[in-house]
Amino acid sequence: MSPGPEQHGLKIDDTTKKLKKSEIDFMRLIEQQNLQRVQKLQRQRRNSKITALSLGGTVLGIYLYSMYSVKQERFLDDFEEPLKVEVPQKQ
């Protein structure tokens, strides 16, 4: 025997009224507006991701270029540390 709706605590209302044509038209209008809003938000999200990736790539490129150029510098290799001069202590 299959469980009826009353056994699960659910009530099924079979006395639903039919929707008027104006109500159906209004629902379609709201659905269209919602679809346009969702498409606009998806477009904004996609554009934000593209902007974030391009900025992140630029920052990463600048960082890697800086590390590469500093690695090539040899000016400290020829640098000789100056001799330390001892100052005589006054007694």
PDB file of N, CA and C in Angstrom:
ATOM      1  N   MET A   1       0.828  -1.178   0.000  1.00  0.00           N
ATOM      2  CA  MET A   1       0.000   0.000   0.000  1.00  0.00           C
ATOM      3  C   MET A   1       0.880   1.252   0.000  1.00  0.00           C
ATOM      4  N   SER A   2       0.649   2.183  -0.900  1.00  0.00           N
ATOM      5  CA  SER A   2       1.465   3.390  -0.975  1.00  0.00           C
ATOM      6  C   SER A   2       1.025   4.378   0.098  1.00  0.00           C
ATOM      7  N   PRO A   3       1.989   5.105   0.661  1.00  0.00           N
ATOM      8  CA  PRO A   3       1.633   6.057   1.715  1.00  0.00           C
ATOM      9  C   PRO A   3       0.869   7.241   1.120  1.00  0.00           C
ATOM     10  N   GLY A   4      -0.159   7.625   1.759  1.00  0.00           N
ATOM     11  CA  GLY A   4      -0.963   8.762   1.304  1.00  0.00           C
ATOM     12  C   GLY A   4      -0.363  10.064   1.767  1.00  0.00           C
ATOM     13  N   PRO A   5      -0.838  11.169   1.251  1.00  0.00           N
ATOM     14  CA  PRO A   5      -0.277  12.478   1.637  1.00  0.00           C
ATOM     15  C   PRO A   5      -0.509  12.809   3.099  1.00  0.00           C
ATOM     16  N   GLU A   6      -1.550  12.279   3.699  1.00  0.00           N
ATOM     17  CA  GLU A   6      -1.825  12.570   5.100  1.00  0.00           C
ATOM     18  C   GLU A   6      -0.835  11.866   6.029  1.00  0.00           C
ATOM     19  N   GLN A   7      -0.251  10.750   5.575  1.00  0.00           N
ATOM     20  CA  GLN A   7       0.680  10.024   6.425  1.00  0.00           C
ATOM     21  C   GLN A   7       1.993  10.788   6.607  1.00  0.00           C
ATOM     22  N   HIS A   8       2.366  11.586   5.653  1.00  0.00           N
ATOM     23  CA  HIS A   8       3.618  12.349   5.736  1.00  0.00           C
ATOM     24  C   HIS A   8       3.398  13.759   6.255  1.00  0.00           C
ATOM     25  N   GLY A   9       2.214  14.100   6.627  1.00  0.00           N
ATOM     26  CA  GLY A   9       1.934  15.429   7.137  1.00  0.00           C
ATOM     27  C   GLY A   9       1.734  16.453   6.034  1.00  0.00           C
ATOM     28  N   LEU A  10       1.544  16.031   4.807  1.00  0.00           N
ATOM     29  CA  LEU A  10       1.344  16.951   3.700  1.00  0.00           C
ATOM     30  C   LEU A  10      -0.140  17.075   3.400  1.00  0.00           C
ATOM     31  N   LYS A  11      -0.549  18.242   3.052  1.00  0.00           N
ATOM     32  CA  LYS A  11      -1.928  18.452   2.628  1.00  0.00           C
ATOM     33  C   LYS A  11      -1.911  18.837   1.157  1.00  0.00           C
ATOM     34  N   ILE A  12      -2.742  18.225   0.397  1.00  0.00           N
ATOM     35  CA  ILE A  12      -2.849  18.554  -1.017  1.00  0.00           C
ATOM     36  C   ILE A  12      -4.180  19.260  -1.218  1.00  0.00           C
ATOM     37  N   ASP A  13      -4.083  20.469  -1.725  1.00  0.00           N
ATOM     38  CA  ASP A  13      -5.292  21.266  -1.949  1.00  0.00           C
ATOM     39  C   ASP A  13      -5.698  21.127  -3.406  1.00  0.00           C
ATOM     40  N   ASP A  14      -6.763  20.410  -3.663  1.00  0.00           N
ATOM     41  CA  ASP A  14      -7.239  20.220  -5.033  1.00  0.00           C
ATOM     42  C   ASP A  14      -8.223  21.301  -5.456  1.00  0.00           C
ATOM     43  N   THR A  15      -8.417  22.286  -4.625  1.00  0.00           N
ATOM     44  CA  THR A  15      -9.387  23.327  -4.953  1.00  0.00           C
ATOM     45  C   THR A  15      -8.694  24.584  -5.463  1.00  0.00           C
ATOM     46  N   THR A  16      -7.596  24.421  -6.205  1.00  0.00           N
ATOM     47  CA  THR A  16      -6.879  25.588  -6.722  1.00  0.00           C
ATOM     48  C   THR A  16      -7.711  26.251  -7.803  1.00  0.00           C
ATOM     49  N   LYS A  17      -7.628  27.560  -7.853  1.00  0.00           N
ATOM     50  CA  LYS A  17      -8.404  28.287  -8.847  1.00  0.00           C
ATOM     51  C   LYS A  17      -7.575  28.446 -10.120  1.00  0.00           C
ATOM     52  N   LYS A  18      -8.214  28.592 -11.220  1.00  0.00           N
ATOM     53  CA  LYS A  18      -7.559  28.805 -12.506  1.00  0.00           C
ATOM     54  C   LYS A  18      -7.064  30.244 -12.565  1.00  0.00           C
ATOM     55  N   LEU A  19      -5.899  30.419 -13.196  1.00  0.00           N
ATOM     56  CA  LEU A  19      -5.333  31.758 -13.323  1.00  0.00           C
ATOM     57  C   LEU A  19      -5.984  32.495 -14.487  1.00  0.00           C
ATOM     58  N   LYS A  20      -6.144  33.787 -14.298  1.00  0.00           N
ATOM     59  CA  LYS A  20      -6.699  34.632 -15.363  1.00  0.00           C
ATOM     60  C   LYS A  20      -5.614  34.917 -16.384  1.00  0.00           C
ATOM     61  N   LYS A  21      -6.027  35.335 -17.563  1.00  0.00           N
ATOM     62  CA  LYS A  21      -5.080  35.665 -18.627  1.00  0.00           C
ATOM     63  C   LYS A  21      -4.180  36.821 -18.219  1.00  0.00           C
ATOM     64  N   SER A  22      -4.721  37.798 -17.528  1.00  0.00           N
ATOM     65  CA  SER A  22      -3.912  38.939 -17.093  1.00  0.00           C
ATOM     66  C   SER A  22      -2.839  38.501 -16.086  1.00  0.00           C
ATOM     67  N   GLU A  23      -3.183  37.547 -15.216  1.00  0.00           N
ATOM     68  CA  GLU A  23      -2.206  37.049 -14.254  1.00  0.00           C
ATOM     69  C   GLU A  23      -1.090  36.278 -14.955  1.00  0.00           C
ATOM     70  N   ILE A  24      -1.445  35.486 -15.967  1.00  0.00           N
ATOM     71  CA  ILE A  24      -0.445  34.739 -16.731  1.00  0.00           C
ATOM     72  C   ILE A  24       0.460  35.695 -17.496  1.00  0.00           C
ATOM     73  N   ASP A  25      -0.123  36.745 -18.091  1.00  0.00           N
ATOM     74  CA  ASP A  25       0.684  37.746 -18.803  1.00  0.00           C
ATOM     75  C   ASP A  25       1.641  38.457 -17.844  1.00  0.00           C
ATOM     76  N   PHE A  26       1.160  38.772 -16.648  1.00  0.00           N
ATOM     77  CA  PHE A  26       2.013  39.426 -15.658  1.00  0.00           C
ATOM     78  C   PHE A  26       3.157  38.504 -15.237  1.00  0.00           C
ATOM     79  N   MET A  27       2.868  37.218 -15.074  1.00  0.00           N
ATOM     80  CA  MET A  27       3.918  36.256 -14.719  1.00  0.00           C
ATOM     81  C   MET A  27       4.959  36.170 -15.819  1.00  0.00           C
ATOM     82  N   ARG A  28       4.545  36.173 -17.070  1.00  0.00           N
ATOM     83  CA  ARG A  28       5.498  36.148 -18.192  1.00  0.00           C
ATOM     84  C   ARG A  28       6.360  37.398 -18.198  1.00  0.00           C
ATOM     85  N   LEU A  29       5.746  38.546 -17.930  1.00  0.00           N
ATOM     86  CA  LEU A  29       6.496  39.801 -17.886  1.00  0.00           C
ATOM     87  C   LEU A  29       7.556  39.753 -16.790  1.00  0.00           C
ATOM     88  N   ILE A  30       7.183  39.279 -15.617  1.00  0.00           N
ATOM     89  CA  ILE A  30       8.121  39.186 -14.495  1.00  0.00           C
ATOM     90  C   ILE A  30       9.238  38.194 -14.834  1.00  0.00           C
ATOM     91  N   GLU A  31       8.903  37.072 -15.474  1.00  0.00           N
ATOM     92  CA  GLU A  31       9.921  36.092 -15.866  1.00  0.00           C
ATOM     93  C   GLU A  31      10.908  36.692 -16.854  1.00  0.00           C
ATOM     94  N   GLN A  32      10.410  37.479 -17.805  1.00  0.00           N
ATOM     95  CA  GLN A  32      11.303  38.122 -18.785  1.00  0.00           C
ATOM     96  C   GLN A  32      12.228  39.115 -18.097  1.00  0.00           C
ATOM     97  N   GLN A  33      11.678  39.907 -17.188  1.00  0.00           N
ATOM     98  CA  GLN A  33      12.497  40.878 -16.466  1.00  0.00           C
ATOM     99  C   GLN A  33      13.551  40.169 -15.611  1.00  0.00           C
ATOM    100  N   ASN A  34      13.154  39.073 -14.984  1.00  0.00           N
ATOM    101  CA  ASN A  34      14.102  38.313 -14.166  1.00  0.00           C
ATOM    102  C   ASN A  34      15.199  37.717 -15.036  1.00  0.00           C
ATOM    103  N   LEU A  35      14.845  37.192 -16.209  1.00  0.00           N
ATOM    104  CA  LEU A  35      15.837  36.630 -17.125  1.00  0.00           C
ATOM    105  C   LEU A  35      16.827  37.704 -17.582  1.00  0.00           C
ATOM    106  N   GLN A  36      16.323  38.894 -17.888  1.00  0.00           N
ATOM    107  CA  GLN A  36      17.214  39.992 -18.292  1.00  0.00           C
ATOM    108  C   GLN A  36      18.148  40.380 -17.147  1.00  0.00           C
ATOM    109  N   ARG A  37      17.620  40.414 -15.928  1.00  0.00           N
ATOM    110  CA  ARG A  37      18.440  40.757 -14.763  1.00  0.00           C
ATOM    111  C   ARG A  37      19.532  39.715 -14.549  1.00  0.00           C
ATOM    112  N   VAL A  38      19.178  38.443 -14.687  1.00  0.00           N
ATOM    113  CA  VAL A  38      20.159  37.366 -14.497  1.00  0.00           C
ATOM    114  C   VAL A  38      21.232  37.433 -15.579  1.00  0.00           C
ATOM    115  N   GLN A  39      20.839  37.692 -16.820  1.00  0.00           N
ATOM    116  CA  GLN A  39      21.822  37.794 -17.902  1.00  0.00           C
ATOM    117  C   GLN A  39      22.755  38.974 -17.681  1.00  0.00           C
ATOM    118  N   LYS A  40      22.226  40.075 -17.176  1.00  0.00           N
ATOM    119  CA  LYS A  40      23.070  41.241 -16.892  1.00  0.00           C
ATOM    120  C   LYS A  40      24.075  40.916 -15.789  1.00  0.00           C
ATOM    121  N   LEU A  41      23.625  40.233 -14.738  1.00  0.00           N
ATOM    122  CA  LEU A  41      24.525  39.868 -13.647  1.00  0.00           C
ATOM    123  C   LEU A  41      25.595  38.876 -14.111  1.00  0.00           C
ATOM    124  N   GLN A  42      25.217  37.935 -14.970  1.00  0.00           N
ATOM    125  CA  GLN A  42      26.201  36.983 -15.493  1.00  0.00           C
ATOM    126  C   GLN A  42      27.229  37.701 -16.359  1.00  0.00           C
ATOM    127  N   ARG A  43      26.795  38.668 -17.149  1.00  0.00           N
ATOM    128  CA  ARG A  43      27.721  39.438 -17.989  1.00  0.00           C
ATOM    129  C   ARG A  43      28.682  40.244 -17.108  1.00  0.00           C
ATOM    130  N   GLN A  44      28.155  40.867 -16.046  1.00  0.00           N
ATOM    131  CA  GLN A  44      29.015  41.623 -15.133  1.00  0.00           C
ATOM    132  C   GLN A  44      30.022  40.711 -14.445  1.00  0.00           C
ATOM    133  N   ARG A  45      29.569  39.535 -14.030  1.00  0.00           N
ATOM    134  CA  ARG A  45      30.464  38.588 -13.366  1.00  0.00           C
ATOM    135  C   ARG A  45      31.575  38.136 -14.310  1.00  0.00           C
ATOM    136  N   ARG A  46      31.212  37.846 -15.569  1.00  0.00           N
ATOM    137  CA  ARG A  46      32.206  37.424 -16.557  1.00  0.00           C
ATOM    138  C   ARG A  46      33.216  38.539 -16.806  1.00  0.00           C
ATOM    139  N   ASN A  47      32.730  39.774 -16.948  1.00  0.00           N
ATOM    140  CA  ASN A  47      33.638  40.900 -17.181  1.00  0.00           C
ATOM    141  C   ASN A  47      34.548  41.141 -15.974  1.00  0.00           C
ATOM    142  N   SER A  48      34.015  40.937 -14.782  1.00  0.00           N
ATOM    143  CA  SER A  48      34.842  41.103 -13.584  1.00  0.00           C
ATOM    144  C   SER A  48      35.934  40.047 -13.529  1.00  0.00           C
ATOM    145  N   LYS A  49      35.602  38.822 -13.900  1.00  0.00           N
ATOM    146  CA  LYS A  49      36.611  37.756 -13.902  1.00  0.00           C
ATOM    147  C   LYS A  49      37.695  38.048 -14.935  1.00  0.00           C
ATOM    148  N   ILE A  50      37.308  38.518 -16.115  1.00  0.00           N
ATOM    149  CA  ILE A  50      38.289  38.845 -17.151  1.00  0.00           C
ATOM    150  C   ILE A  50      39.207  39.963 -16.672  1.00  0.00           C
ATOM    151  N   THR A  51      38.635  40.984 -16.043  1.00  0.00           N
ATOM    152  CA  THR A  51      39.433  42.095 -15.529  1.00  0.00           C
ATOM    153  C   THR A  51      40.391  41.619 -14.442  1.00  0.00           C
ATOM    154  N   ALA A  52      39.896  40.779 -13.536  1.00  0.00           N
ATOM    155  CA  ALA A  52      40.748  40.275 -12.453  1.00  0.00           C
ATOM    156  C   ALA A  52      41.896  39.432 -13.006  1.00  0.00           C
ATOM    157  N   LEU A  53      41.610  38.584 -13.989  1.00  0.00           N
ATOM    158  CA  LEU A  53      42.671  37.762 -14.573  1.00  0.00           C
ATOM    159  C   LEU A  53      43.705  38.619 -15.305  1.00  0.00           C
ATOM    160  N   SER A  54      43.243  39.633 -16.024  1.00  0.00           N
ATOM    161  CA  SER A  54      44.202  40.471 -16.748  1.00  0.00           C
ATOM    162  C   SER A  54      45.064  41.284 -15.777  1.00  0.00           C
ATOM    163  N   LEU A  55      44.467  41.825 -14.730  1.00  0.00           N
ATOM    164  CA  LEU A  55      45.254  42.568 -13.738  1.00  0.00           C
ATOM    165  C   LEU A  55      46.221  41.648 -12.992  1.00  0.00           C
ATOM    166  N   GLY A  56      45.750  40.460 -12.629  1.00  0.00           N
ATOM    167  CA  GLY A  56      46.617  39.498 -11.959  1.00  0.00           C
ATOM    168  C   GLY A  56      47.775  39.078 -12.847  1.00  0.00           C
ATOM    169  N   GLY A  57      47.508  38.857 -14.128  1.00  0.00           N
ATOM    170  CA  GLY A  57      48.568  38.503 -15.069  1.00  0.00           C
ATOM    171  C   GLY A  57      49.584  39.620 -15.223  1.00  0.00           C
ATOM    172  N   THR A  58      49.101  40.858 -15.262  1.00  0.00           N
ATOM    173  CA  THR A  58      50.002  42.004 -15.373  1.00  0.00           C
ATOM    174  C   THR A  58      50.895  42.106 -14.141  1.00  0.00           C
ATOM    175  N   VAL A  59      50.308  41.976 -12.978  1.00  0.00           N
ATOM    176  CA  VAL A  59      51.091  42.049 -11.735  1.00  0.00           C
ATOM    177  C   VAL A  59      52.116  40.918 -11.682  1.00  0.00           C
ATOM    178  N   LEU A  60      51.695  39.719 -12.036  1.00  0.00           N
ATOM    179  CA  LEU A  60      52.612  38.582 -12.040  1.00  0.00           C
ATOM    180  C   LEU A  60      53.738  38.795 -13.051  1.00  0.00           C
ATOM    181  N   GLY A  61      53.418  39.330 -14.222  1.00  0.00           N
ATOM    182  CA  GLY A  61      54.438  39.613 -15.233  1.00  0.00           C
ATOM    183  C   GLY A  61      55.457  40.630 -14.754  1.00  0.00           C
ATOM    184  N   ILE A  62      54.981  41.698 -14.132  1.00  0.00           N
ATOM    185  CA  ILE A  62      55.888  42.724 -13.609  1.00  0.00           C
ATOM    186  C   ILE A  62      56.782  42.131 -12.520  1.00  0.00           C
ATOM    187  N   TYR A  63      56.202  41.324 -11.649  1.00  0.00           N
ATOM    188  CA  TYR A  63      56.971  40.692 -10.571  1.00  0.00           C
ATOM    189  C   TYR A  63      58.050  39.774 -11.147  1.00  0.00           C
ATOM    190  N   LEU A  64      57.669  38.923 -12.087  1.00  0.00           N
ATOM    191  CA  LEU A  64      58.647  37.995 -12.674  1.00  0.00           C
ATOM    192  C   LEU A  64      59.732  38.738 -13.449  1.00  0.00           C
ATOM    193  N   TYR A  65      59.357  39.787 -14.173  1.00  0.00           N
ATOM    194  CA  TYR A  65      60.350  40.582 -14.899  1.00  0.00           C
ATOM    195  C   TYR A  65      61.327  41.227 -13.914  1.00  0.00           C
ATOM    196  N   SER A  66      60.807  41.744 -12.799  1.00  0.00           N
ATOM    197  CA  SER A  66      61.674  42.375 -11.798  1.00  0.00           C
ATOM    198  C   SER A  66      62.655  41.359 -11.213  1.00  0.00           C
ATOM    199  N   MET A  67      62.169  40.175 -10.900  1.00  0.00           N
ATOM    200  CA  MET A  67      63.054  39.137 -10.354  1.00  0.00           C
ATOM    201  C   MET A  67      64.110  38.733 -11.384  1.00  0.00           C
ATOM    202  N   TYR A  68      63.724  38.629 -12.636  1.00  0.00           N
ATOM    203  CA  TYR A  68      64.657  38.247 -13.695  1.00  0.00           C
ATOM    204  C   TYR A  68      65.721  39.320 -13.899  1.00  0.00           C
ATOM    205  N   SER A  69      65.308  40.582 -13.897  1.00  0.00           N
ATOM    206  CA  SER A  69      66.281  41.664 -14.137  1.00  0.00           C
ATOM    207  C   SER A  69      67.222  41.832 -12.944  1.00  0.00           C
ATOM    208  N   VAL A  70      66.743  41.657 -11.732  1.00  0.00           N
ATOM    209  CA  VAL A  70      67.611  41.765 -10.557  1.00  0.00           C
ATOM    210  C   VAL A  70      68.599  40.594 -10.543  1.00  0.00           C
ATOM    211  N   LYS A  71      68.168  39.454 -10.992  1.00  0.00           N
ATOM    212  CA  LYS A  71      69.034  38.282 -11.031  1.00  0.00           C
ATOM    213  C   LYS A  71      70.207  38.489 -11.994  1.00  0.00           C
ATOM    214  N   GLN A  72      70.016  39.280 -13.036  1.00  0.00           N
ATOM    215  CA  GLN A  72      71.061  39.503 -14.027  1.00  0.00           C
ATOM    216  C   GLN A  72      72.065  40.568 -13.612  1.00  0.00           C
ATOM    217  N   GLU A  73      71.741  41.367 -12.629  1.00  0.00           N
ATOM    218  CA  GLU A  73      72.633  42.449 -12.232  1.00  0.00           C
ATOM    219  C   GLU A  73      73.880  41.886 -11.572  1.00  0.00           C
ATOM    220  N   ARG A  74      75.027  42.449 -11.954  1.00  0.00           N
ATOM    221  CA  ARG A  74      76.304  41.966 -11.449  1.00  0.00           C
ATOM    222  C   ARG A  74      77.097  43.069 -10.739  1.00  0.00           C
ATOM    223  N   PHE A  75      76.474  44.196 -10.460  1.00  0.00           N
ATOM    224  CA  PHE A  75      77.244  45.306  -9.917  1.00  0.00           C
ATOM    225  C   PHE A  75      77.778  45.010  -8.513  1.00  0.00           C
ATOM    226  N   LEU A  76      77.145  44.124  -7.762  1.00  0.00           N
ATOM    227  CA  LEU A  76      77.657  43.806  -6.433  1.00  0.00           C
ATOM    228  C   LEU A  76      78.780  42.770  -6.476  1.00  0.00           C
ATOM    229  N   ASP A  77      78.944  42.088  -7.597  1.00  0.00           N
ATOM    230  CA  ASP A  77      80.014  41.102  -7.696  1.00  0.00           C
ATOM    231  C   ASP A  77      81.392  41.764  -7.708  1.00  0.00           C
ATOM    232  N   ASP A  78      81.504  42.935  -8.296  1.00  0.00           N
ATOM    233  CA  ASP A  78      82.784  43.643  -8.380  1.00  0.00           C
ATOM    234  C   ASP A  78      83.005  44.567  -7.185  1.00  0.00           C
ATOM    235  N   PHE A  79      82.085  44.628  -6.326  1.00  0.00           N
ATOM    236  CA  PHE A  79      82.150  45.527  -5.189  1.00  0.00           C
ATOM    237  C   PHE A  79      83.057  44.941  -4.112  1.00  0.00           C
ATOM    238  N   GLU A  80      84.032  45.738  -3.708  1.00  0.00           N
ATOM    239  CA  GLU A  80      84.926  45.313  -2.632  1.00  0.00           C
ATOM    240  C   GLU A  80      84.522  46.039  -1.359  1.00  0.00           C
ATOM    241  N   GLU A  81      84.434  45.294  -0.313  1.00  0.00           N
ATOM    242  CA  GLU A  81      84.043  45.890   0.955  1.00  0.00           C
ATOM    243  C   GLU A  81      85.182  46.766   1.460  1.00  0.00           C
ATOM    244  N   PRO A  82      84.883  47.980   1.877  1.00  0.00           N
ATOM    245  CA  PRO A  82      85.952  48.861   2.366  1.00  0.00           C
ATOM    246  C   PRO A  82      86.571  48.306   3.655  1.00  0.00           C
ATOM    247  N   LEU A  83      87.842  48.650   3.831  1.00  0.00           N
ATOM    248  CA  LEU A  83      88.547  48.208   5.033  1.00  0.00           C
ATOM    249  C   LEU A  83      87.990  48.938   6.243  1.00  0.00           C
ATOM    250  N   LYS A  84      87.932  48.246   7.323  1.00  0.00           N
ATOM    251  CA  LYS A  84      87.438  48.877   8.543  1.00  0.00           C
ATOM    252  C   LYS A  84      88.585  49.637   9.195  1.00  0.00           C
ATOM    253  N   VAL A  85      88.282  50.814   9.554  1.00  0.00           N
ATOM    254  CA  VAL A  85      89.272  51.662  10.201  1.00  0.00           C
ATOM    255  C   VAL A  85      89.031  51.595  11.708  1.00  0.00           C
ATOM    256  N   GLU A  86      90.079  51.264  12.423  1.00  0.00           N
ATOM    257  CA  GLU A  86      89.929  51.213  13.877  1.00  0.00           C
ATOM    258  C   GLU A  86      90.287  52.564  14.467  1.00  0.00           C
ATOM    259  N   VAL A  87      89.427  53.017  15.310  1.00  0.00           N
ATOM    260  CA  VAL A  87      89.650  54.299  15.979  1.00  0.00           C
ATOM    261  C   VAL A  87      90.281  53.985  17.338  1.00  0.00           C
ATOM    262  N   PRO A  88      91.419  54.612  17.606  1.00  0.00           N
ATOM    263  CA  PRO A  88      92.046  54.338  18.917  1.00  0.00           C
ATOM    264  C   PRO A  88      91.170  54.857  20.056  1.00  0.00           C
ATOM    265  N   GLN A  89      91.129  54.085  21.085  1.00  0.00           N
ATOM    266  CA  GLN A  89      90.308  54.459  22.245  1.00  0.00           C
ATOM    267  C   GLN A  89      91.066  55.429  23.129  1.00  0.00           C
ATOM    268  N   LYS A  90      90.351  56.410  23.599  1.00  0.00           N
ATOM    269  CA  LYS A  90      90.939  57.383  24.525  1.00  0.00           C
ATOM    270  C   LYS A  90      90.871  56.823  25.932  1.00  0.00           C
ATOM    271  N   GLN A  91      92.011  56.941  26.610  1.00  0.00           N
ATOM    272  CA  GLN A  91      92.026  56.415  27.997  1.00  0.00           C
ATOM    273  C   GLN A  91      92.280  57.491  28.986  1.00  0.00           C
TER     274      GLN A  91
END
